[in-house]
């Protein structure tokens, strides 16, 4: 038996030596694609500077990078997931910059 770790999900797999080729090539897992993997898994708040959000895939992204890549404001999603904001106050969490970004996305999608 040969043990190896999947580079995508981190699970330890076992396979017969005959199944794994000499090159070590092995069928890997697919990356997860469900909506829950786009939600922030964590937040790093440095002493100086902007917070860093951790995606479900382990990426470290700024708020603007996260918003650009996943179309989700990570700060709002993080607060709602942690129960630090109620659904009644969610509209108050949206900043003018995020509203501007959302309106440009909406306008560009309506042109298609």
PDB file of N, CA and C in Angstrom:
ATOM      1  N   UNK A   1       0.844  -1.188   0.000  1.00  0.00           N
ATOM      2  CA  UNK A   1       0.000   0.000   0.000  1.00  0.00           C
ATOM      3  C   UNK A   1       0.883   1.243   0.000  1.00  0.00           C
ATOM      4  N   UNK A   2       0.441   2.210  -0.781  1.00  0.00           N
ATOM      5  CA  UNK A   2       1.141   3.474  -0.837  1.00  0.00           C
ATOM      6  C   UNK A   2       0.192   4.560  -0.360  1.00  0.00           C
ATOM      7  N   UNK A   3       0.646   5.426   0.523  1.00  0.00           N
ATOM      8  CA  UNK A   3      -0.162   6.529   1.035  1.00  0.00           C
ATOM      9  C   UNK A   3       0.309   7.827   0.392  1.00  0.00           C
ATOM     10  N   UNK A   4      -0.647   8.692   0.069  1.00  0.00           N
ATOM     11  CA  UNK A   4      -0.309   9.997  -0.477  1.00  0.00           C
ATOM     12  C   UNK A   4      -1.422  10.976  -0.111  1.00  0.00           C
ATOM     13  N   UNK A   5      -1.103  12.241  -0.201  1.00  0.00           N
ATOM     14  CA  UNK A   5      -2.051  13.297   0.164  1.00  0.00           C
ATOM     15  C   UNK A   5      -2.496  14.025  -1.101  1.00  0.00           C
ATOM     16  N   UNK A   6      -3.797  14.198  -1.244  1.00  0.00           N
ATOM     17  CA  UNK A   6      -4.353  14.927  -2.385  1.00  0.00           C
ATOM     18  C   UNK A   6      -3.963  16.402  -2.263  1.00  0.00           C
ATOM     19  N   UNK A   7      -3.447  16.975  -3.352  1.00  0.00           N
ATOM     20  CA  UNK A   7      -3.035  18.381  -3.336  1.00  0.00           C
ATOM     21  C   UNK A   7      -4.224  19.330  -3.292  1.00  0.00           C
ATOM     22  N   UNK A   8      -5.416  18.878  -3.660  1.00  0.00           N
ATOM     23  CA  UNK A   8      -6.591  19.750  -3.679  1.00  0.00           C
ATOM     24  C   UNK A   8      -7.338  19.774  -2.351  1.00  0.00           C
ATOM     25  N   UNK A   9      -7.573  18.598  -1.763  1.00  0.00           N
ATOM     26  CA  UNK A   9      -8.419  18.561  -0.567  1.00  0.00           C
ATOM     27  C   UNK A   9      -7.670  18.189   0.710  1.00  0.00           C
ATOM     28  N   UNK A  10      -6.453  17.658   0.592  1.00  0.00           N
ATOM     29  CA  UNK A  10      -5.659  17.335   1.765  1.00  0.00           C
ATOM     30  C   UNK A  10      -5.967  16.001   2.405  1.00  0.00           C
ATOM     31  N   UNK A  11      -6.801  15.181   1.792  1.00  0.00           N
ATOM     32  CA  UNK A  11      -7.166  13.877   2.342  1.00  0.00           C
ATOM     33  C   UNK A  11      -6.051  12.870   2.074  1.00  0.00           C
ATOM     34  N   UNK A  12      -5.762  12.054   3.065  1.00  0.00           N
ATOM     35  CA  UNK A  12      -4.778  10.989   2.891  1.00  0.00           C
ATOM     36  C   UNK A  12      -5.457   9.827   2.171  1.00  0.00           C
ATOM     37  N   UNK A  13      -4.890   9.416   1.046  1.00  0.00           N
ATOM     38  CA  UNK A  13      -5.439   8.327   0.246  1.00  0.00           C
ATOM     39  C   UNK A  13      -4.489   7.139   0.297  1.00  0.00           C
ATOM     40  N   UNK A  14      -5.032   5.964   0.124  1.00  0.00           N
ATOM     41  CA  UNK A  14      -4.218   4.748   0.048  1.00  0.00           C
ATOM     42  C   UNK A  14      -4.522   4.056  -1.267  1.00  0.00           C
ATOM     43  N   UNK A  15      -3.472   3.544  -1.896  1.00  0.00           N
ATOM     44  CA  UNK A  15      -3.650   2.831  -3.161  1.00  0.00           C
ATOM     45  C   UNK A  15      -2.640   1.695  -3.228  1.00  0.00           C
ATOM     46  N   UNK A  16      -3.010   0.680  -3.967  1.00  0.00           N
ATOM     47  CA  UNK A  16      -2.093  -0.437  -4.202  1.00  0.00           C
ATOM     48  C   UNK A  16      -0.918   0.076  -5.024  1.00  0.00           C
ATOM     49  N   UNK A  17       0.245  -0.479  -4.771  1.00  0.00           N
ATOM     50  CA  UNK A  17       1.435  -0.049  -5.513  1.00  0.00           C
ATOM     51  C   UNK A  17       1.258  -0.227  -7.014  1.00  0.00           C
ATOM     52  N   UNK A  18       0.536  -1.241  -7.422  1.00  0.00           N
ATOM     53  CA  UNK A  18       0.331  -1.505  -8.844  1.00  0.00           C
ATOM     54  C   UNK A  18      -0.563  -0.456  -9.500  1.00  0.00           C
ATOM     55  N   UNK A  19      -1.430   0.189  -8.707  1.00  0.00           N
ATOM     56  CA  UNK A  19      -2.359   1.162  -9.284  1.00  0.00           C
ATOM     57  C   UNK A  19      -1.688   2.504  -9.559  1.00  0.00           C
ATOM     58  N   UNK A  20      -0.704   2.828  -8.753  1.00  0.00           N
ATOM     59  CA  UNK A  20       0.001   4.093  -8.914  1.00  0.00           C
ATOM     60  C   UNK A  20       1.178   3.851  -9.852  1.00  0.00           C
ATOM     61  N   UNK A  21       1.261   4.666 -10.898  1.00  0.00           N
ATOM     62  CA  UNK A  21       2.344   4.480 -11.866  1.00  0.00           C
ATOM     63  C   UNK A  21       3.683   4.892 -11.259  1.00  0.00           C
ATOM     64  N   UNK A  22       4.738   4.581 -11.955  1.00  0.00           N
ATOM     65  CA  UNK A  22       6.085   4.920 -11.484  1.00  0.00           C
ATOM     66  C   UNK A  22       6.293   6.424 -11.352  1.00  0.00           C
ATOM     67  N   UNK A  23       5.581   7.186 -12.170  1.00  0.00           N
ATOM     68  CA  UNK A  23       5.743   8.645 -12.122  1.00  0.00           C
ATOM     69  C   UNK A  23       5.021   9.259 -10.921  1.00  0.00           C
ATOM     70  N   UNK A  24       4.243   8.456 -10.218  1.00  0.00           N
ATOM     71  CA  UNK A  24       3.502   8.967  -9.071  1.00  0.00           C
ATOM     72  C   UNK A  24       2.198   9.635  -9.473  1.00  0.00           C
ATOM     73  N   UNK A  25       1.858   9.546 -10.763  1.00  0.00           N
ATOM     74  CA  UNK A  25       0.635  10.151 -11.251  1.00  0.00           C
ATOM     75  C   UNK A  25      -0.565   9.393 -10.681  1.00  0.00           C
ATOM     76  N   UNK A  26      -1.531  10.126 -10.181  1.00  0.00           N
ATOM     77  CA  UNK A  26      -2.703   9.514  -9.576  1.00  0.00           C
ATOM     78  C   UNK A  26      -3.888  10.430  -9.794  1.00  0.00           C
ATOM     79  N   UNK A  27      -5.050   9.871  -9.936  1.00  0.00           N
ATOM     80  CA  UNK A  27      -6.259  10.659 -10.114  1.00  0.00           C
ATOM     81  C   UNK A  27      -6.494  11.497  -8.859  1.00  0.00           C
ATOM     82  N   UNK A  28      -6.589  12.808  -9.038  1.00  0.00           N
ATOM     83  CA  UNK A  28      -6.783  13.710  -7.907  1.00  0.00           C
ATOM     84  C   UNK A  28      -8.249  14.096  -7.771  1.00  0.00           C
ATOM     85  N   UNK A  29      -8.587  14.636  -6.630  1.00  0.00           N
ATOM     86  CA  UNK A  29      -9.934  15.141  -6.394  1.00  0.00           C
ATOM     87  C   UNK A  29     -10.151  16.415  -7.201  1.00  0.00           C
ATOM     88  N   UNK A  30     -11.398  16.697  -7.519  1.00  0.00           N
ATOM     89  CA  UNK A  30     -11.743  17.973  -8.134  1.00  0.00           C
ATOM     90  C   UNK A  30     -11.878  19.016  -7.037  1.00  0.00           C
ATOM     91  N   UNK A  31     -11.575  20.261  -7.375  1.00  0.00           N
ATOM     92  CA  UNK A  31     -11.773  21.329  -6.412  1.00  0.00           C
ATOM     93  C   UNK A  31     -13.268  21.517  -6.161  1.00  0.00           C
ATOM     94  N   UNK A  32     -13.652  21.832  -4.933  1.00  0.00           N
ATOM     95  CA  UNK A  32     -15.071  22.027  -4.635  1.00  0.00           C
ATOM     96  C   UNK A  32     -15.611  23.248  -5.363  1.00  0.00           C
ATOM     97  N   UNK A  33     -16.875  23.188  -5.778  1.00  0.00           N
ATOM     98  CA  UNK A  33     -17.463  24.284  -6.540  1.00  0.00           C
ATOM     99  C   UNK A  33     -18.758  24.820  -5.936  1.00  0.00           C
ATOM    100  N   UNK A  34     -19.210  24.284  -4.811  1.00  0.00           N
ATOM    101  CA  UNK A  34     -20.451  24.741  -4.195  1.00  0.00           C
ATOM    102  C   UNK A  34     -20.331  26.159  -3.664  1.00  0.00           C
ATOM    103  N   UNK A  35     -21.474  26.834  -3.462  1.00  0.00           N
ATOM    104  CA  UNK A  35     -21.456  28.226  -3.018  1.00  0.00           C
ATOM    105  C   UNK A  35     -20.766  28.404  -1.667  1.00  0.00           C
ATOM    106  N   UNK A  36     -20.838  27.373  -0.814  1.00  0.00           N
ATOM    107  CA  UNK A  36     -20.242  27.525   0.513  1.00  0.00           C
ATOM    108  C   UNK A  36     -18.723  27.657   0.459  1.00  0.00           C
ATOM    109  N   UNK A  37     -18.112  27.246  -0.643  1.00  0.00           N
ATOM    110  CA  UNK A  37     -16.657  27.377  -0.782  1.00  0.00           C
ATOM    111  C   UNK A  37     -16.261  28.783  -1.198  1.00  0.00           C
ATOM    112  N   UNK A  38     -17.226  29.625  -1.563  1.00  0.00           N
ATOM    113  CA  UNK A  38     -16.911  31.014  -1.893  1.00  0.00           C
ATOM    114  C   UNK A  38     -17.045  31.913  -0.672  1.00  0.00           C
ATOM    115  N   UNK A  39     -17.630  31.412   0.406  1.00  0.00           N
ATOM    116  CA  UNK A  39     -17.757  32.200   1.627  1.00  0.00           C
ATOM    117  C   UNK A  39     -16.414  32.250   2.346  1.00  0.00           C
ATOM    118  N   UNK A  40     -16.134  33.343   3.060  1.00  0.00           N
ATOM    119  CA  UNK A  40     -14.853  33.432   3.766  1.00  0.00           C
ATOM    120  C   UNK A  40     -14.769  32.414   4.897  1.00  0.00           C
ATOM    121  N   UNK A  41     -13.638  31.721   4.964  1.00  0.00           N
ATOM    122  CA  UNK A  41     -13.428  30.726   6.013  1.00  0.00           C
ATOM    123  C   UNK A  41     -12.783  31.353   7.239  1.00  0.00           C
ATOM    124  N   UNK A  42     -12.211  32.522   7.067  1.00  0.00           N
ATOM    125  CA  UNK A  42     -11.566  33.180   8.185  1.00  0.00           C
ATOM    126  C   UNK A  42     -11.162  34.594   7.840  1.00  0.00           C
ATOM    127  N   UNK A  43     -10.662  35.290   8.857  1.00  0.00           N
ATOM    128  CA  UNK A  43     -10.258  36.685   8.686  1.00  0.00           C
ATOM    129  C   UNK A  43      -9.033  36.925   9.557  1.00  0.00           C
ATOM    130  N   UNK A  44      -8.028  37.520   8.958  1.00  0.00           N
ATOM    131  CA  UNK A  44      -6.823  37.903   9.693  1.00  0.00           C
ATOM    132  C   UNK A  44      -6.835  39.420   9.794  1.00  0.00           C
ATOM    133  N   UNK A  45      -6.842  39.917  11.024  1.00  0.00           N
ATOM    134  CA  UNK A  45      -6.835  41.359  11.240  1.00  0.00           C
ATOM    135  C   UNK A  45      -5.465  41.769  11.754  1.00  0.00           C
ATOM    136  N   UNK A  46      -4.617  42.321  10.864  1.00  0.00           N
ATOM    137  CA  UNK A  46      -3.290  42.741  11.301  1.00  0.00           C
ATOM    138  C   UNK A  46      -3.374  43.996  12.173  1.00  0.00           C
ATOM    139  N   UNK A  47      -2.324  44.252  12.931  1.00  0.00           N
ATOM    140  CA  UNK A  47      -2.293  45.439  13.785  1.00  0.00           C
ATOM    141  C   UNK A  47      -2.336  46.689  12.913  1.00  0.00           C
ATOM    142  N   UNK A  48      -1.577  46.677  11.826  1.00  0.00           N
ATOM    143  CA  UNK A  48      -1.559  47.792  10.894  1.00  0.00           C
ATOM    144  C   UNK A  48      -1.945  47.264   9.517  1.00  0.00           C
ATOM    145  N   UNK A  49      -2.871  47.941   8.876  1.00  0.00           N
ATOM    146  CA  UNK A  49      -3.255  47.545   7.523  1.00  0.00           C
ATOM    147  C   UNK A  49      -4.659  46.978   7.460  1.00  0.00           C
ATOM    148  N   UNK A  50      -5.033  46.622   6.253  1.00  0.00           N
ATOM    149  CA  UNK A  50      -6.376  46.108   5.997  1.00  0.00           C
ATOM    150  C   UNK A  50      -6.484  44.629   6.361  1.00  0.00           C
ATOM    151  N   UNK A  51      -7.695  44.180   6.705  1.00  0.00           N
ATOM    152  CA  UNK A  51      -7.881  42.759   7.017  1.00  0.00           C
ATOM    153  C   UNK A  51      -7.659  41.880   5.793  1.00  0.00           C
ATOM    154  N   UNK A  52      -7.264  40.653   6.045  1.00  0.00           N
ATOM    155  CA  UNK A  52      -7.045  39.661   4.999  1.00  0.00           C
ATOM    156  C   UNK A  52      -8.085  38.569   5.217  1.00  0.00           C
ATOM    157  N   UNK A  53      -8.786  38.209   4.147  1.00  0.00           N
ATOM    158  CA  UNK A  53      -9.835  37.201   4.229  1.00  0.00           C
ATOM    159  C   UNK A  53      -9.329  35.899   3.633  1.00  0.00           C
ATOM    160  N   UNK A  54      -9.679  34.798   4.269  1.00  0.00           N
ATOM    161  CA  UNK A  54      -9.254  33.476   3.818  1.00  0.00           C
ATOM    162  C   UNK A  54     -10.445  32.806   3.150  1.00  0.00           C
ATOM    163  N   UNK A  55     -10.238  32.381   1.907  1.00  0.00           N
ATOM    164  CA  UNK A  55     -11.323  31.719   1.178  1.00  0.00           C
ATOM    165  C   UNK A  55     -11.421  30.259   1.607  1.00  0.00           C
ATOM    166  N   UNK A  56     -12.460  29.590   1.147  1.00  0.00           N
ATOM    167  CA  UNK A  56     -12.635  28.169   1.427  1.00  0.00           C
ATOM    168  C   UNK A  56     -11.536  27.315   0.821  1.00  0.00           C
ATOM    169  N   UNK A  57     -10.825  27.855  -0.171  1.00  0.00           N
ATOM    170  CA  UNK A  57      -9.712  27.143  -0.791  1.00  0.00           C
ATOM    171  C   UNK A  57      -8.375  27.496  -0.160  1.00  0.00           C
ATOM    172  N   UNK A  58      -8.381  28.317   0.888  1.00  0.00           N
ATOM    173  CA  UNK A  58      -7.157  28.666   1.593  1.00  0.00           C
ATOM    174  C   UNK A  58      -6.418  29.868   1.030  1.00  0.00           C
ATOM    175  N   UNK A  59      -7.018  30.582   0.096  1.00  0.00           N
ATOM    176  CA  UNK A  59      -6.369  31.765  -0.470  1.00  0.00           C
ATOM    177  C   UNK A  59      -6.452  32.923   0.511  1.00  0.00           C
ATOM    178  N   UNK A  60      -5.423  33.734   0.578  1.00  0.00           N
ATOM    179  CA  UNK A  60      -5.419  34.950   1.389  1.00  0.00           C
ATOM    180  C   UNK A  60      -5.642  36.124   0.450  1.00  0.00           C
ATOM    181  N   UNK A  61      -6.787  36.822   0.617  1.00  0.00           N
ATOM    182  CA  UNK A  61      -7.172  37.890  -0.299  1.00  0.00           C
ATOM    183  C   UNK A  61      -7.588  39.137   0.466  1.00  0.00           C
ATOM    184  N   UNK A  62      -7.322  40.304  -0.132  1.00  0.00           N
ATOM    185  CA  UNK A  62      -7.830  41.551   0.435  1.00  0.00           C
ATOM    186  C   UNK A  62      -9.336  41.614   0.160  1.00  0.00           C
ATOM    187  N   UNK A  63      -9.996  42.607   0.750  1.00  0.00           N
ATOM    188  CA  UNK A  63     -11.443  42.717   0.550  1.00  0.00           C
ATOM    189  C   UNK A  63     -11.762  42.959  -0.920  1.00  0.00           C
ATOM    190  N   UNK A  64     -11.011  43.828  -1.572  1.00  0.00           N
ATOM    191  CA  UNK A  64     -11.292  44.115  -2.986  1.00  0.00           C
ATOM    192  C   UNK A  64     -10.982  42.913  -3.880  1.00  0.00           C
ATOM    193  N   UNK A  65      -9.909  42.168  -3.584  1.00  0.00           N
ATOM    194  CA  UNK A  65      -9.585  40.968  -4.354  1.00  0.00           C
ATOM    195  C   UNK A  65     -10.671  39.906  -4.182  1.00  0.00           C
ATOM    196  N   UNK A  66     -11.150  39.761  -2.949  1.00  0.00           N
ATOM    197  CA  UNK A  66     -12.197  38.778  -2.662  1.00  0.00           C
ATOM    198  C   UNK A  66     -13.481  39.137  -3.407  1.00  0.00           C
ATOM    199  N   UNK A  67     -13.831  40.422  -3.354  1.00  0.00           N
ATOM    200  CA  UNK A  67     -15.034  40.902  -4.028  1.00  0.00           C
ATOM    201  C   UNK A  67     -14.924  40.688  -5.534  1.00  0.00           C
ATOM    202  N   UNK A  68     -13.753  40.953  -6.092  1.00  0.00           N
ATOM    203  CA  UNK A  68     -13.531  40.785  -7.530  1.00  0.00           C
ATOM    204  C   UNK A  68     -13.614  39.316  -7.948  1.00  0.00           C
ATOM    205  N   UNK A  69     -13.007  38.432  -7.150  1.00  0.00           N
ATOM    206  CA  UNK A  69     -12.933  37.017  -7.522  1.00  0.00           C
ATOM    207  C   UNK A  69     -14.246  36.272  -7.303  1.00  0.00           C
ATOM    208  N   UNK A  70     -14.903  36.504  -6.159  1.00  0.00           N
ATOM    209  CA  UNK A  70     -16.076  35.710  -5.792  1.00  0.00           C
ATOM    210  C   UNK A  70     -17.404  36.472  -5.856  1.00  0.00           C
ATOM    211  N   UNK A  71     -17.373  37.778  -6.134  1.00  0.00           N
ATOM    212  CA  UNK A  71     -18.589  38.614  -6.171  1.00  0.00           C
ATOM    213  C   UNK A  71     -19.351  38.572  -4.852  1.00  0.00           C
ATOM    214  N   UNK A  72     -18.627  38.496  -3.760  1.00  0.00           N
ATOM    215  CA  UNK A  72     -19.207  38.516  -2.415  1.00  0.00           C
ATOM    216  C   UNK A  72     -18.354  39.458  -1.578  1.00  0.00           C
ATOM    217  N   UNK A  73     -19.009  40.375  -0.858  1.00  0.00           N
ATOM    218  CA  UNK A  73     -18.252  41.216   0.066  1.00  0.00           C
ATOM    219  C   UNK A  73     -17.915  40.350   1.279  1.00  0.00           C
ATOM    220  N   UNK A  74     -16.641  40.039   1.497  1.00  0.00           N
ATOM    221  CA  UNK A  74     -16.293  39.099   2.570  1.00  0.00           C
ATOM    222  C   UNK A  74     -16.596  39.628   3.973  1.00  0.00           C
ATOM    223  N   UNK A  75     -16.536  40.942   4.157  1.00  0.00           N
ATOM    224  CA  UNK A  75     -16.801  41.504   5.487  1.00  0.00           C
ATOM    225  C   UNK A  75     -18.260  41.287   5.883  1.00  0.00           C
ATOM    226  N   UNK A  76     -19.167  41.545   4.958  1.00  0.00           N
ATOM    227  CA  UNK A  76     -20.589  41.344   5.236  1.00  0.00           C
ATOM    228  C   UNK A  76     -20.875  39.864   5.461  1.00  0.00           C
ATOM    229  N   UNK A  77     -20.358  39.017   4.569  1.00  0.00           N
ATOM    230  CA  UNK A  77     -20.594  37.579   4.697  1.00  0.00           C
ATOM    231  C   UNK A  77     -20.000  37.046   6.000  1.00  0.00           C
ATOM    232  N   UNK A  78     -18.807  37.515   6.350  1.00  0.00           N
ATOM    233  CA  UNK A  78     -18.143  37.052   7.574  1.00  0.00           C
ATOM    234  C   UNK A  78     -18.955  37.437   8.813  1.00  0.00           C
ATOM    235  N   UNK A  79     -19.421  38.674   8.854  1.00  0.00           N
ATOM    236  CA  UNK A  79     -20.217  39.125  10.006  1.00  0.00           C
ATOM    237  C   UNK A  79     -21.530  38.365  10.106  1.00  0.00           C
ATOM    238  N   UNK A  80     -22.193  38.153   8.979  1.00  0.00           N
ATOM    239  CA  UNK A  80     -23.459  37.425   9.009  1.00  0.00           C
ATOM    240  C   UNK A  80     -23.256  35.964   9.405  1.00  0.00           C
ATOM    241  N   UNK A  81     -22.180  35.353   8.934  1.00  0.00           N
ATOM    242  CA  UNK A  81     -21.898  33.952   9.272  1.00  0.00           C
ATOM    243  C   UNK A  81     -21.579  33.788  10.752  1.00  0.00           C
ATOM    244  N   UNK A  82     -20.904  34.774  11.327  1.00  0.00           N
ATOM    245  CA  UNK A  82     -20.495  34.685  12.727  1.00  0.00           C
ATOM    246  C   UNK A  82     -21.572  35.190  13.679  1.00  0.00           C
ATOM    247  N   UNK A  83     -22.689  35.650  13.136  1.00  0.00           N
ATOM    248  CA  UNK A  83     -23.782  36.126  13.983  1.00  0.00           C
ATOM    249  C   UNK A  83     -23.501  37.478  14.592  1.00  0.00           C
ATOM    250  N   UNK A  84     -22.558  38.242  14.028  1.00  0.00           N
ATOM    251  CA  UNK A  84     -22.230  39.560  14.565  1.00  0.00           C
ATOM    252  C   UNK A  84     -23.091  40.651  13.962  1.00  0.00           C
ATOM    253  N   UNK A  85     -23.917  40.292  13.000  1.00  0.00           N
ATOM    254  CA  UNK A  85     -24.841  41.253  12.393  1.00  0.00           C
ATOM    255  C   UNK A  85     -26.147  40.522  12.133  1.00  0.00           C
ATOM    256  N   UNK A  86     -27.228  41.221  12.333  1.00  0.00           N
ATOM    257  CA  UNK A  86     -28.515  40.589  12.045  1.00  0.00           C
ATOM    258  C   UNK A  86     -28.916  40.908  10.619  1.00  0.00           C
ATOM    259  N   UNK A  87     -29.869  40.176  10.099  1.00  0.00           N
ATOM    260  CA  UNK A  87     -30.318  40.411   8.732  1.00  0.00           C
ATOM    261  C   UNK A  87     -30.974  41.782   8.593  1.00  0.00           C
ATOM    262  N   UNK A  88     -31.448  42.360   9.695  1.00  0.00           N
ATOM    263  CA  UNK A  88     -32.061  43.681   9.645  1.00  0.00           C
ATOM    264  C   UNK A  88     -31.021  44.769   9.416  1.00  0.00           C
ATOM    265  N   UNK A  89     -29.785  44.542   9.857  1.00  0.00           N
ATOM    266  CA  UNK A  89     -28.756  45.560   9.723  1.00  0.00           C
ATOM    267  C   UNK A  89     -27.824  45.296   8.537  1.00  0.00           C
ATOM    268  N   UNK A  90     -28.106  44.263   7.770  1.00  0.00           N
ATOM    269  CA  UNK A  90     -27.224  43.938   6.647  1.00  0.00           C
ATOM    270  C   UNK A  90     -27.153  45.078   5.649  1.00  0.00           C
ATOM    271  N   UNK A  91     -28.255  45.789   5.422  1.00  0.00           N
ATOM    272  CA  UNK A  91     -28.236  46.898   4.467  1.00  0.00           C
ATOM    273  C   UNK A  91     -27.345  48.037   4.950  1.00  0.00           C
ATOM    274  N   UNK A  92     -27.162  48.174   6.257  1.00  0.00           N
ATOM    275  CA  UNK A  92     -26.309  49.218   6.793  1.00  0.00           C
ATOM    276  C   UNK A  92     -24.829  48.884   6.636  1.00  0.00           C
ATOM    277  N   UNK A  93     -24.512  47.621   6.419  1.00  0.00           N
ATOM    278  CA  UNK A  93     -23.126  47.215   6.290  1.00  0.00           C
ATOM    279  C   UNK A  93     -22.537  47.531   4.920  1.00  0.00           C
ATOM    280  N   UNK A  94     -23.396  47.764   3.932  1.00  0.00           N
ATOM    281  CA  UNK A  94     -22.939  48.003   2.570  1.00  0.00           C
ATOM    282  C   UNK A  94     -22.370  49.411   2.481  1.00  0.00           C
ATOM    283  N   UNK A  95     -21.129  49.533   2.081  1.00  0.00           N
ATOM    284  CA  UNK A  95     -20.506  50.842   1.964  1.00  0.00           C
ATOM    285  C   UNK A  95     -20.799  51.431   0.591  1.00  0.00           C
ATOM    286  N   UNK A  96     -20.542  52.711   0.433  1.00  0.00           N
ATOM    287  CA  UNK A  96     -20.793  53.371  -0.852  1.00  0.00           C
ATOM    288  C   UNK A  96     -19.892  52.797  -1.937  1.00  0.00           C
ATOM    289  N   UNK A  97     -18.674  52.395  -1.578  1.00  0.00           N
ATOM    290  CA  UNK A  97     -17.764  51.795  -2.562  1.00  0.00           C
ATOM    291  C   UNK A  97     -18.342  50.478  -3.084  1.00  0.00           C
ATOM    292  N   UNK A  98     -18.898  49.662  -2.200  1.00  0.00           N
ATOM    293  CA  UNK A  98     -19.481  48.392  -2.618  1.00  0.00           C
ATOM    294  C   UNK A  98     -20.726  48.613  -3.465  1.00  0.00           C
ATOM    295  N   UNK A  99     -21.509  49.643  -3.135  1.00  0.00           N
ATOM    296  CA  UNK A  99     -22.681  49.957  -3.946  1.00  0.00           C
ATOM    297  C   UNK A  99     -22.259  50.382  -5.344  1.00  0.00           C
ATOM    298  N   UNK A 100     -21.176  51.172  -5.421  1.00  0.00           N
ATOM    299  CA  UNK A 100     -20.666  51.607  -6.721  1.00  0.00           C
ATOM    300  C   UNK A 100     -20.194  50.410  -7.530  1.00  0.00           C
ATOM    301  N   UNK A 101     -19.470  49.496  -6.894  1.00  0.00           N
ATOM    302  CA  UNK A 101     -18.978  48.292  -7.556  1.00  0.00           C
ATOM    303  C   UNK A 101     -20.152  47.441  -8.038  1.00  0.00           C
ATOM    304  N   UNK A 102     -21.167  47.282  -7.198  1.00  0.00           N
ATOM    305  CA  UNK A 102     -22.334  46.471  -7.562  1.00  0.00           C
ATOM    306  C   UNK A 102     -23.088  47.096  -8.726  1.00  0.00           C
ATOM    307  N   UNK A 103     -23.174  48.423  -8.761  1.00  0.00           N
ATOM    308  CA  UNK A 103     -23.902  49.064  -9.851  1.00  0.00           C
ATOM    309  C   UNK A 103     -23.149  48.925 -11.167  1.00  0.00           C
ATOM    310  N   UNK A 104     -21.813  48.949 -11.135  1.00  0.00           N
ATOM    311  CA  UNK A 104     -21.052  48.770 -12.376  1.00  0.00           C
ATOM    312  C   UNK A 104     -21.169  47.347 -12.880  1.00  0.00           C
ATOM    313  N   UNK A 105     -21.211  46.383 -11.977  1.00  0.00           N
ATOM    314  CA  UNK A 105     -21.395  44.986 -12.379  1.00  0.00           C
ATOM    315  C   UNK A 105     -22.778  44.802 -12.981  1.00  0.00           C
ATOM    316  N   UNK A 106     -23.799  45.416 -12.360  1.00  0.00           N
ATOM    317  CA  UNK A 106     -25.164  45.302 -12.856  1.00  0.00           C
ATOM    318  C   UNK A 106     -25.286  45.940 -14.236  1.00  0.00           C
ATOM    319  N   UNK A 107     -24.688  47.130 -14.416  1.00  0.00           N
ATOM    320  CA  UNK A 107     -24.758  47.824 -15.701  1.00  0.00           C
ATOM    321  C   UNK A 107     -24.030  47.055 -16.793  1.00  0.00           C
ATOM    322  N   UNK A 108     -22.883  46.476 -16.476  1.00  0.00           N
ATOM    323  CA  UNK A 108     -22.129  45.748 -17.488  1.00  0.00           C
ATOM    324  C   UNK A 108     -22.830  44.440 -17.868  1.00  0.00           C
ATOM    325  N   UNK A 109     -23.548  43.819 -16.924  1.00  0.00           N
ATOM    326  CA  UNK A 109     -24.262  42.578 -17.244  1.00  0.00           C
ATOM    327  C   UNK A 109     -25.527  42.847 -18.037  1.00  0.00           C
ATOM    328  N   UNK A 110     -26.110  44.036 -17.903  1.00  0.00           N
ATOM    329  CA  UNK A 110     -27.316  44.342 -18.666  1.00  0.00           C
ATOM    330  C   UNK A 110     -26.995  44.635 -20.126  1.00  0.00           C
ATOM    331  N   UNK A 111     -25.734  44.955 -20.435  1.00  0.00           N
ATOM    332  CA  UNK A 111     -25.328  45.225 -21.812  1.00  0.00           C
ATOM    333  C   UNK A 111     -25.145  43.954 -22.616  1.00  0.00           C
ATOM    334  N   UNK A 112     -25.028  42.847 -21.938  1.00  0.00           N
ATOM    335  CA  UNK A 112     -24.771  41.573 -22.619  1.00  0.00           C
ATOM    336  C   UNK A 112     -25.976  41.051 -23.321  1.00  0.00           C
TER     337      UNK A 112
END
